Amino acid sequence: MVNIIKMDMYRLFKSRSFKVVLIVVVILNLLYGSYNRLDTYFTAKSLEEGADPVVWSKTVDFAKFLRKPVFYFDCIMTLLSIVWFSNSDLSHGYIKNIAGQLPKKGHTVISKFIVVGVHNFFLLFAAVIGQLIGYLPYSSINFTNDLGEGILHFWIKWLLLLSISAIILLFSSGFKSKNAATTIAVLMGGKVLTLTYALVSAGINKIPVDCLKDFDLTKYMPDALMSFARPDVKTSVIVSIVIIAVFITATVRIFNKKDVN
């Protein structure tokens, strides 16, 4: 199992698509960080007298970048990168040789999931570093204030993204459907399903049961939770663990029953 993980890790870091996505995420966040900072500065300068002030601080907390909601483009690129990575061994045919050396074929799914966790960390951290670099020409960075809280919420977003990745793996590796996995990656990464969650919640709220009147599905869906700067920690952890357990178990069982080509 350890050797399979090492092999998948090697595949990941040698993957051209992973390197390209990593560079694109850094550049886009660098540009976004610069734009965001300059926009705040010029807005503060151009306010008319008597208008509500816009706070312009020369010092920015590093924790701000760690807490920042996952930008939808970052999420889409990350999930698409997972689709390409998880499908590459299947599409190139060498999965058959690998699976034949294991007691159970499903071990390859577990290995992919572990490597995807590393993959997600690098891309999320690349987004943080990109925005940090974008801010540097206009601000000094404080690395001490609220750093613990920032790190906590960074890992919460990593866990939420990992739970979405488990869903992607079900379709890309379990069902071997790259098209379905790509569609889900775009929908969940682009927060497109948030509107669906709101409509479902509105329908549930009409049910004449007191406990359902304030029900909000967006508070329990991982792609929606990643849109919050400070998602509820307990809810996020429970939701992520449940989704990971269900989808990875299903993927392993399905993959064990399927022939590999």
C-alpha atoms as a PDB file:
ATOM      1  CA  MET A   1       0.000   0.000   0.000  1.00  0.00           C
ATOM      2  CA  VAL A   2       2.819   2.392   0.880  1.00  0.00           C
ATOM      3  CA  ASN A   3       4.450   1.758  -2.498  1.00  0.00           C
ATOM      4  CA  ILE A   4       1.166   2.498  -4.295  1.00  0.00           C
ATOM      5  CA  ILE A   5       0.883   5.812  -2.436  1.00  0.00           C
ATOM      6  CA  LYS A   6       4.486   6.667  -3.355  1.00  0.00           C
ATOM      7  CA  MET A   7       3.759   5.847  -6.977  1.00  0.00           C
ATOM      8  CA  ASP A   8       0.615   8.020  -7.017  1.00  0.00           C
ATOM      9  CA  MET A   9       2.532  10.828  -5.326  1.00  0.00           C
ATOM     10  CA  TYR A  10       5.195  10.562  -8.019  1.00  0.00           C
ATOM     11  CA  ARG A  11       2.478  10.643 -10.709  1.00  0.00           C
ATOM     12  CA  LEU A  12       1.004  13.760  -9.158  1.00  0.00           C
ATOM     13  CA  PHE A  13       4.218  15.768  -8.982  1.00  0.00           C
ATOM     14  CA  LYS A  14       5.237  14.677 -12.469  1.00  0.00           C
ATOM     15  CA  SER A  15       1.826  15.572 -13.873  1.00  0.00           C
ATOM     16  CA  ARG A  16       1.955  18.512 -16.273  1.00  0.00           C
ATOM     17  CA  SER A  17      -1.695  19.381 -15.590  1.00  0.00           C
ATOM     18  CA  PHE A  18      -1.025  19.682 -11.838  1.00  0.00           C
ATOM     19  CA  LYS A  19       1.929  22.009 -12.420  1.00  0.00           C
ATOM     20  CA  VAL A  20      -0.059  24.147 -14.860  1.00  0.00           C
ATOM     21  CA  VAL A  21      -3.042  24.404 -12.501  1.00  0.00           C
ATOM     22  CA  LEU A  22      -0.717  25.304  -9.604  1.00  0.00           C
ATOM     23  CA  ILE A  23       0.863  28.132 -11.605  1.00  0.00           C
ATOM     24  CA  VAL A  24      -2.516  29.389 -12.862  1.00  0.00           C
ATOM     25  CA  VAL A  25      -3.935  29.461  -9.310  1.00  0.00           C
ATOM     26  CA  VAL A  26      -0.938  31.458  -8.016  1.00  0.00           C
ATOM     27  CA  ILE A  27      -1.109  33.982 -10.881  1.00  0.00           C
ATOM     28  CA  LEU A  28      -4.880  34.491 -10.697  1.00  0.00           C
ATOM     29  CA  ASN A  29      -4.792  34.998  -6.932  1.00  0.00           C
ATOM     30  CA  LEU A  30      -1.843  37.356  -7.234  1.00  0.00           C
ATOM     31  CA  LEU A  31      -3.810  39.472  -9.707  1.00  0.00           C
ATOM     32  CA  TYR A  32      -6.954  39.239  -7.580  1.00  0.00           C
ATOM     33  CA  GLY A  33      -5.043  40.252  -4.449  1.00  0.00           C
ATOM     34  CA  SER A  34      -3.511  43.280  -6.178  1.00  0.00           C
ATOM     35  CA  TYR A  35      -6.853  44.329  -7.659  1.00  0.00           C
ATOM     36  CA  ASN A  36      -8.645  43.900  -4.326  1.00  0.00           C
ATOM     37  CA  ARG A  37      -6.080  45.987  -2.471  1.00  0.00           C
ATOM     38  CA  LEU A  38      -5.954  48.760  -5.048  1.00  0.00           C
ATOM     39  CA  ASP A  39      -9.747  48.861  -5.305  1.00  0.00           C
ATOM     40  CA  THR A  40     -10.026  49.364  -1.540  1.00  0.00           C
ATOM     41  CA  TYR A  41      -7.375  52.101  -1.630  1.00  0.00           C
ATOM     42  CA  PHE A  42      -8.928  54.105  -4.476  1.00  0.00           C
ATOM     43  CA  THR A  43     -12.423  53.699  -3.011  1.00  0.00           C
ATOM     44  CA  ALA A  44     -11.187  55.098   0.299  1.00  0.00           C
ATOM     45  CA  LYS A  45      -9.551  58.041  -1.515  1.00  0.00           C
ATOM     46  CA  SER A  46     -12.567  58.909  -3.671  1.00  0.00           C
ATOM     47  CA  LEU A  47     -15.285  58.946  -0.995  1.00  0.00           C
ATOM     48  CA  GLU A  48     -17.295  62.120  -0.740  1.00  0.00           C
ATOM     49  CA  GLU A  49     -17.379  64.000   2.520  1.00  0.00           C
ATOM     50  CA  GLY A  50     -19.943  62.550   4.911  1.00  0.00           C
ATOM     51  CA  ALA A  51     -19.961  59.096   3.293  1.00  0.00           C
ATOM     52  CA  ASP A  52     -19.321  55.989   5.356  1.00  0.00           C
ATOM     53  CA  PRO A  53     -15.551  55.553   5.636  1.00  0.00           C
ATOM     54  CA  VAL A  54     -13.707  52.631   4.062  1.00  0.00           C
ATOM     55  CA  VAL A  55     -11.021  51.249   6.343  1.00  0.00           C
ATOM     56  CA  TRP A  56      -7.565  51.372   4.772  1.00  0.00           C
ATOM     57  CA  SER A  57      -4.919  49.711   6.875  1.00  0.00           C
ATOM     58  CA  LYS A  58      -1.282  49.471   5.849  1.00  0.00           C
ATOM     59  CA  THR A  59      -0.988  46.224   7.799  1.00  0.00           C
ATOM     60  CA  VAL A  60      -2.942  43.103   6.838  1.00  0.00           C
ATOM     61  CA  ASP A  61      -3.217  39.956   8.970  1.00  0.00           C
ATOM     62  CA  PHE A  62      -1.936  36.771   7.329  1.00  0.00           C
ATOM     63  CA  ALA A  63      -4.926  35.052   8.966  1.00  0.00           C
ATOM     64  CA  LYS A  64      -7.156  37.002   6.561  1.00  0.00           C
ATOM     65  CA  PHE A  65      -5.769  35.045   3.613  1.00  0.00           C
ATOM     66  CA  LEU A  66      -6.182  31.751   5.456  1.00  0.00           C
ATOM     67  CA  ARG A  67      -9.810  32.505   6.353  1.00  0.00           C
ATOM     68  CA  LYS A  68     -10.779  33.870   2.944  1.00  0.00           C
ATOM     69  CA  PRO A  69     -13.569  31.860   1.236  1.00  0.00           C
ATOM     70  CA  VAL A  70     -12.345  29.576  -1.537  1.00  0.00           C
ATOM     71  CA  PHE A  71     -12.565  31.535  -4.806  1.00  0.00           C
ATOM     72  CA  TYR A  72     -14.870  29.670  -7.208  1.00  0.00           C
ATOM     73  CA  PHE A  73     -12.242  29.549  -9.962  1.00  0.00           C
ATOM     74  CA  ASP A  74      -9.692  28.024  -7.556  1.00  0.00           C
ATOM     75  CA  CYS A  75     -12.239  25.390  -6.606  1.00  0.00           C
ATOM     76  CA  ILE A  76     -13.110  24.518 -10.217  1.00  0.00           C
ATOM     77  CA  MET A  77      -9.451  24.248 -11.223  1.00  0.00           C
ATOM     78  CA  THR A  78      -8.661  22.094  -8.188  1.00  0.00           C
ATOM     79  CA  LEU A  79     -11.545  19.692  -8.814  1.00  0.00           C
ATOM     80  CA  LEU A  80     -10.806  19.445 -12.542  1.00  0.00           C
ATOM     81  CA  SER A  81      -7.187  18.669 -11.691  1.00  0.00           C
ATOM     82  CA  ILE A  82      -8.450  15.828  -9.482  1.00  0.00           C
ATOM     83  CA  VAL A  83     -10.549  14.467 -12.363  1.00  0.00           C
ATOM     84  CA  TRP A  84      -7.517  14.461 -14.671  1.00  0.00           C
ATOM     85  CA  PHE A  85      -5.271  12.870 -12.038  1.00  0.00           C
ATOM     86  CA  SER A  86      -7.712  10.182 -10.885  1.00  0.00           C
ATOM     87  CA  ASN A  87      -8.624   9.238 -14.445  1.00  0.00           C
ATOM     88  CA  SER A  88      -5.114   9.191 -15.912  1.00  0.00           C
ATOM     89  CA  ASP A  89      -4.197   5.661 -14.758  1.00  0.00           C
ATOM     90  CA  LEU A  90      -7.492   4.330 -16.113  1.00  0.00           C
ATOM     91  CA  SER A  91      -7.269   6.100 -19.454  1.00  0.00           C
ATOM     92  CA  HIS A  92      -3.645   5.049 -20.047  1.00  0.00           C
ATOM     93  CA  GLY A  93      -4.266   1.403 -19.231  1.00  0.00           C
ATOM     94  CA  TYR A  94      -1.536   0.739 -16.681  1.00  0.00           C
ATOM     95  CA  ILE A  95      -4.018   0.471 -13.815  1.00  0.00           C
ATOM     96  CA  LYS A  96      -4.491  -3.197 -14.784  1.00  0.00           C
ATOM     97  CA  ASN A  97      -0.883  -4.043 -13.924  1.00  0.00           C
ATOM     98  CA  ILE A  98      -1.043  -2.119 -10.653  1.00  0.00           C
ATOM     99  CA  ALA A  99      -4.385  -3.597  -9.521  1.00  0.00           C
ATOM    100  CA  GLY A 100      -3.174  -7.112 -10.269  1.00  0.00           C
ATOM    101  CA  GLN A 101      -0.420  -6.762  -7.663  1.00  0.00           C
ATOM    102  CA  LEU A 102      -2.789  -5.829  -4.814  1.00  0.00           C
ATOM    103  CA  PRO A 103      -4.976  -8.056  -2.620  1.00  0.00           C
ATOM    104  CA  LYS A 104      -7.894  -5.773  -3.484  1.00  0.00           C
ATOM    105  CA  LYS A 105      -8.198  -3.365  -6.393  1.00  0.00           C
ATOM    106  CA  GLY A 106      -9.944  -0.844  -4.168  1.00  0.00           C
ATOM    107  CA  HIS A 107      -6.631  -0.070  -2.460  1.00  0.00           C
ATOM    108  CA  THR A 108      -5.801   2.085  -5.470  1.00  0.00           C
ATOM    109  CA  VAL A 109      -8.819   4.258  -4.635  1.00  0.00           C
ATOM    110  CA  ILE A 110      -7.606   4.768  -1.050  1.00  0.00           C
ATOM    111  CA  SER A 111      -4.151   5.651  -2.359  1.00  0.00           C
ATOM    112  CA  LYS A 112      -5.614   8.213  -4.765  1.00  0.00           C
ATOM    113  CA  PHE A 113      -7.697   9.744  -1.984  1.00  0.00           C
ATOM    114  CA  ILE A 114      -4.640  10.193   0.249  1.00  0.00           C
ATOM    115  CA  VAL A 115      -2.667  11.800  -2.583  1.00  0.00           C
ATOM    116  CA  VAL A 116      -5.642  14.010  -3.470  1.00  0.00           C
ATOM    117  CA  GLY A 117      -5.471  15.351   0.101  1.00  0.00           C
ATOM    118  CA  VAL A 118      -1.862  16.428  -0.549  1.00  0.00           C
ATOM    119  CA  HIS A 119      -2.909  17.808  -3.941  1.00  0.00           C
ATOM    120  CA  ASN A 120      -5.644  19.944  -2.350  1.00  0.00           C
ATOM    121  CA  PHE A 121      -3.309  21.319   0.326  1.00  0.00           C
ATOM    122  CA  PHE A 122      -0.819  22.533  -2.273  1.00  0.00           C
ATOM    123  CA  LEU A 123      -3.501  24.240  -4.376  1.00  0.00           C
ATOM    124  CA  LEU A 124      -5.226  25.922  -1.419  1.00  0.00           C
ATOM    125  CA  PHE A 125      -1.888  27.110  -0.059  1.00  0.00           C
ATOM    126  CA  ALA A 126      -0.879  28.308  -3.535  1.00  0.00           C
ATOM    127  CA  ALA A 127      -4.017  30.488  -3.532  1.00  0.00           C
ATOM    128  CA  VAL A 128      -3.041  31.921  -0.136  1.00  0.00           C
ATOM    129  CA  ILE A 129       0.521  32.661  -1.271  1.00  0.00           C
ATOM    130  CA  GLY A 130      -0.720  34.188  -4.533  1.00  0.00           C
ATOM    131  CA  GLN A 131      -2.962  36.673  -2.726  1.00  0.00           C
ATOM    132  CA  LEU A 132      -0.236  37.387  -0.184  1.00  0.00           C
ATOM    133  CA  ILE A 133       2.196  38.304  -2.971  1.00  0.00           C
ATOM    134  CA  GLY A 134      -0.505  40.473  -4.559  1.00  0.00           C
ATOM    135  CA  TYR A 135      -0.861  42.443  -1.310  1.00  0.00           C
ATOM    136  CA  LEU A 136       2.862  42.824  -0.558  1.00  0.00           C
ATOM    137  CA  PRO A 137       3.549  45.904  -2.750  1.00  0.00           C
ATOM    138  CA  TYR A 138       0.839  47.857  -0.884  1.00  0.00           C
ATOM    139  CA  SER A 139       0.847  46.415   2.647  1.00  0.00           C
ATOM    140  CA  SER A 140       2.927  44.906   5.395  1.00  0.00           C
ATOM    141  CA  ILE A 141       1.802  41.502   6.678  1.00  0.00           C
ATOM    142  CA  ASN A 142       1.151  40.652  10.328  1.00  0.00           C
ATOM    143  CA  PHE A 143       1.807  36.943  10.955  1.00  0.00           C
ATOM    144  CA  THR A 144       0.754  36.861  14.620  1.00  0.00           C
ATOM    145  CA  ASN A 145      -2.756  38.309  15.000  1.00  0.00           C
ATOM    146  CA  ASP A 146      -5.518  35.621  14.924  1.00  0.00           C
ATOM    147  CA  LEU A 147      -3.104  33.183  13.270  1.00  0.00           C
ATOM    148  CA  GLY A 148      -4.497  30.187  15.179  1.00  0.00           C
ATOM    149  CA  GLU A 149      -8.042  30.895  14.026  1.00  0.00           C
ATOM    150  CA  GLY A 150      -6.828  31.438  10.468  1.00  0.00           C
ATOM    151  CA  ILE A 151      -5.011  28.087  10.423  1.00  0.00           C
ATOM    152  CA  LEU A 152      -8.099  26.357  11.840  1.00  0.00           C
ATOM    153  CA  HIS A 153     -10.363  27.699   9.095  1.00  0.00           C
ATOM    154  CA  PHE A 154      -7.790  26.915   6.418  1.00  0.00           C
ATOM    155  CA  TRP A 155      -7.850  23.253   7.475  1.00  0.00           C
ATOM    156  CA  ILE A 156     -11.655  23.297   7.685  1.00  0.00           C
ATOM    157  CA  LYS A 157     -11.811  24.438   4.052  1.00  0.00           C
ATOM    158  CA  TRP A 158      -9.247  21.779   3.149  1.00  0.00           C
ATOM    159  CA  LEU A 159     -11.467  19.142   4.778  1.00  0.00           C
ATOM    160  CA  LEU A 160     -14.580  20.433   2.984  1.00  0.00           C
ATOM    161  CA  LEU A 161     -12.727  20.373  -0.341  1.00  0.00           C
ATOM    162  CA  LEU A 162     -11.562  16.828   0.428  1.00  0.00           C
ATOM    163  CA  SER A 163     -15.172  15.738   0.951  1.00  0.00           C
ATOM    164  CA  ILE A 164     -16.099  17.117  -2.490  1.00  0.00           C
ATOM    165  CA  SER A 165     -13.066  15.290  -3.874  1.00  0.00           C
ATOM    166  CA  ALA A 166     -14.489  12.034  -2.486  1.00  0.00           C
ATOM    167  CA  ILE A 167     -17.621  12.626  -4.575  1.00  0.00           C
ATOM    168  CA  ILE A 168     -15.470  13.323  -7.641  1.00  0.00           C
ATOM    169  CA  LEU A 169     -13.537  10.074  -7.102  1.00  0.00           C
ATOM    170  CA  LEU A 170     -16.765   8.063  -7.046  1.00  0.00           C
ATOM    171  CA  PHE A 171     -17.576   9.144 -10.589  1.00  0.00           C
ATOM    172  CA  SER A 172     -14.068   9.345 -12.043  1.00  0.00           C
ATOM    173  CA  SER A 173     -12.675   6.101 -10.543  1.00  0.00           C
ATOM    174  CA  GLY A 174     -15.698   4.160  -9.310  1.00  0.00           C
ATOM    175  CA  PHE A 175     -17.990   4.636 -12.300  1.00  0.00           C
ATOM    176  CA  LYS A 176     -15.077   5.481 -14.652  1.00  0.00           C
ATOM    177  CA  SER A 177     -17.036   8.399 -16.048  1.00  0.00           C
ATOM    178  CA  LYS A 178     -14.751  11.332 -16.735  1.00  0.00           C
ATOM    179  CA  ASN A 179     -17.608  13.364 -18.230  1.00  0.00           C
ATOM    180  CA  ALA A 180     -19.823  12.960 -15.156  1.00  0.00           C
ATOM    181  CA  ALA A 181     -16.912  13.785 -12.833  1.00  0.00           C
ATOM    182  CA  THR A 182     -16.061  16.882 -14.897  1.00  0.00           C
ATOM    183  CA  THR A 183     -19.670  18.084 -14.790  1.00  0.00           C
ATOM    184  CA  ILE A 184     -19.880  17.670 -11.027  1.00  0.00           C
ATOM    185  CA  ALA A 185     -16.506  19.406 -10.612  1.00  0.00           C
ATOM    186  CA  VAL A 186     -17.739  22.464 -12.525  1.00  0.00           C
ATOM    187  CA  LEU A 187     -21.136  22.567 -10.783  1.00  0.00           C
ATOM    188  CA  MET A 188     -19.817  22.173  -7.231  1.00  0.00           C
ATOM    189  CA  GLY A 189     -16.617  24.132  -7.791  1.00  0.00           C
ATOM    190  CA  GLY A 190     -18.487  27.026  -9.368  1.00  0.00           C
ATOM    191  CA  LYS A 191     -21.039  27.102  -6.517  1.00  0.00           C
ATOM    192  CA  VAL A 192     -23.747  26.628  -9.168  1.00  0.00           C
ATOM    193  CA  LEU A 193     -25.659  24.249  -6.906  1.00  0.00           C
ATOM    194  CA  THR A 194     -26.045  26.931  -4.224  1.00  0.00           C
ATOM    195  CA  LEU A 195     -29.197  28.174  -5.982  1.00  0.00           C
ATOM    196  CA  THR A 196     -30.552  24.625  -5.994  1.00  0.00           C
ATOM    197  CA  TYR A 197     -29.893  24.347  -2.255  1.00  0.00           C
ATOM    198  CA  ALA A 198     -31.793  27.598  -1.684  1.00  0.00           C
ATOM    199  CA  LEU A 199     -34.788  26.375  -3.703  1.00  0.00           C
ATOM    200  CA  VAL A 200     -34.836  23.040  -1.880  1.00  0.00           C
ATOM    201  CA  SER A 201     -34.611  24.866   1.453  1.00  0.00           C
ATOM    202  CA  ALA A 202     -37.522  27.125   0.475  1.00  0.00           C
ATOM    203  CA  GLY A 203     -39.619  24.060  -0.334  1.00  0.00           C
ATOM    204  CA  ILE A 204     -38.729  22.374   2.962  1.00  0.00           C
ATOM    205  CA  ASN A 205     -39.557  25.568   4.881  1.00  0.00           C
ATOM    206  CA  LYS A 206     -43.150  25.307   3.615  1.00  0.00           C
ATOM    207  CA  ILE A 207     -43.632  21.945   5.318  1.00  0.00           C
ATOM    208  CA  PRO A 208     -45.864  22.604   8.369  1.00  0.00           C
ATOM    209  CA  VAL A 209     -43.322  21.339  10.892  1.00  0.00           C
ATOM    210  CA  ASP A 210     -41.754  23.804  13.344  1.00  0.00           C
ATOM    211  CA  CYS A 211     -38.227  22.362  13.180  1.00  0.00           C
ATOM    212  CA  LEU A 212     -38.170  22.752   9.371  1.00  0.00           C
ATOM    213  CA  LYS A 213     -39.248  26.397   9.173  1.00  0.00           C
ATOM    214  CA  ASP A 214     -35.679  27.724   9.400  1.00  0.00           C
ATOM    215  CA  PHE A 215     -33.945  24.818   7.681  1.00  0.00           C
ATOM    216  CA  ASP A 216     -31.164  25.967   5.339  1.00  0.00           C
ATOM    217  CA  LEU A 217     -29.493  23.307   3.194  1.00  0.00           C
ATOM    218  CA  THR A 218     -26.564  25.615   2.381  1.00  0.00           C
ATOM    219  CA  LYS A 219     -25.403  25.211   5.994  1.00  0.00           C
ATOM    220  CA  TYR A 220     -24.821  21.489   5.401  1.00  0.00           C
ATOM    221  CA  MET A 221     -23.395  21.251   1.864  1.00  0.00           C
ATOM    222  CA  PRO A 222     -19.593  21.344   1.530  1.00  0.00           C
ATOM    223  CA  ASP A 223     -19.430  23.533  -1.585  1.00  0.00           C
ATOM    224  CA  ALA A 224     -21.711  26.105   0.060  1.00  0.00           C
ATOM    225  CA  LEU A 225     -19.812  26.000   3.378  1.00  0.00           C
ATOM    226  CA  MET A 226     -16.571  26.847   1.567  1.00  0.00           C
ATOM    227  CA  SER A 227     -18.163  30.150   0.544  1.00  0.00           C
ATOM    228  CA  PHE A 228     -18.112  31.314   4.174  1.00  0.00           C
ATOM    229  CA  ALA A 229     -15.066  33.012   5.701  1.00  0.00           C
ATOM    230  CA  ARG A 230     -15.870  31.324   9.016  1.00  0.00           C
ATOM    231  CA  PRO A 231     -18.008  28.207   8.411  1.00  0.00           C
ATOM    232  CA  ASP A 232     -19.304  26.471  11.512  1.00  0.00           C
ATOM    233  CA  VAL A 233     -16.445  24.198  12.593  1.00  0.00           C
ATOM    234  CA  LYS A 234     -18.528  21.413  14.132  1.00  0.00           C
ATOM    235  CA  THR A 235     -20.958  21.229  11.205  1.00  0.00           C
ATOM    236  CA  SER A 236     -18.141  21.323   8.649  1.00  0.00           C
ATOM    237  CA  VAL A 237     -16.216  18.500  10.320  1.00  0.00           C
ATOM    238  CA  ILE A 238     -19.280  16.252  10.711  1.00  0.00           C
ATOM    239  CA  VAL A 239     -20.496  16.883   7.143  1.00  0.00           C
ATOM    240  CA  SER A 240     -17.033  16.240   5.691  1.00  0.00           C
ATOM    241  CA  ILE A 241     -16.412  13.024   7.635  1.00  0.00           C
ATOM    242  CA  VAL A 242     -19.830  11.608   6.726  1.00  0.00           C
ATOM    243  CA  ILE A 243     -19.441  12.418   3.016  1.00  0.00           C
ATOM    244  CA  ILE A 244     -15.892  11.037   2.896  1.00  0.00           C
ATOM    245  CA  ALA A 245     -16.866   7.822   4.703  1.00  0.00           C
ATOM    246  CA  VAL A 246     -19.910   7.195   2.494  1.00  0.00           C
ATOM    247  CA  PHE A 247     -18.402   8.055  -0.890  1.00  0.00           C
ATOM    248  CA  ILE A 248     -14.956   6.501  -0.424  1.00  0.00           C
ATOM    249  CA  THR A 249     -16.538   3.278   0.887  1.00  0.00           C
ATOM    250  CA  ALA A 250     -18.902   3.215  -2.112  1.00  0.00           C
ATOM    251  CA  THR A 251     -16.056   3.916  -4.554  1.00  0.00           C
ATOM    252  CA  VAL A 252     -13.870   1.139  -3.125  1.00  0.00           C
ATOM    253  CA  ARG A 253     -16.711  -1.411  -3.273  1.00  0.00           C
ATOM    254  CA  ILE A 254     -17.721  -0.465  -6.811  1.00  0.00           C
ATOM    255  CA  PHE A 255     -14.121  -0.499  -8.032  1.00  0.00           C
ATOM    256  CA  ASN A 256     -13.519  -3.923  -6.454  1.00  0.00           C
ATOM    257  CA  LYS A 257     -16.425  -5.362  -8.449  1.00  0.00           C
ATOM    258  CA  LYS A 258     -15.459  -3.831 -11.783  1.00  0.00           C
ATOM    259  CA  ASP A 259     -12.928  -5.185 -14.262  1.00  0.00           C
ATOM    260  CA  VAL A 260      -9.999  -2.914 -15.004  1.00  0.00           C
ATOM    261  CA  ASN A 261      -8.766  -2.487 -18.561  1.00  0.00           C
END
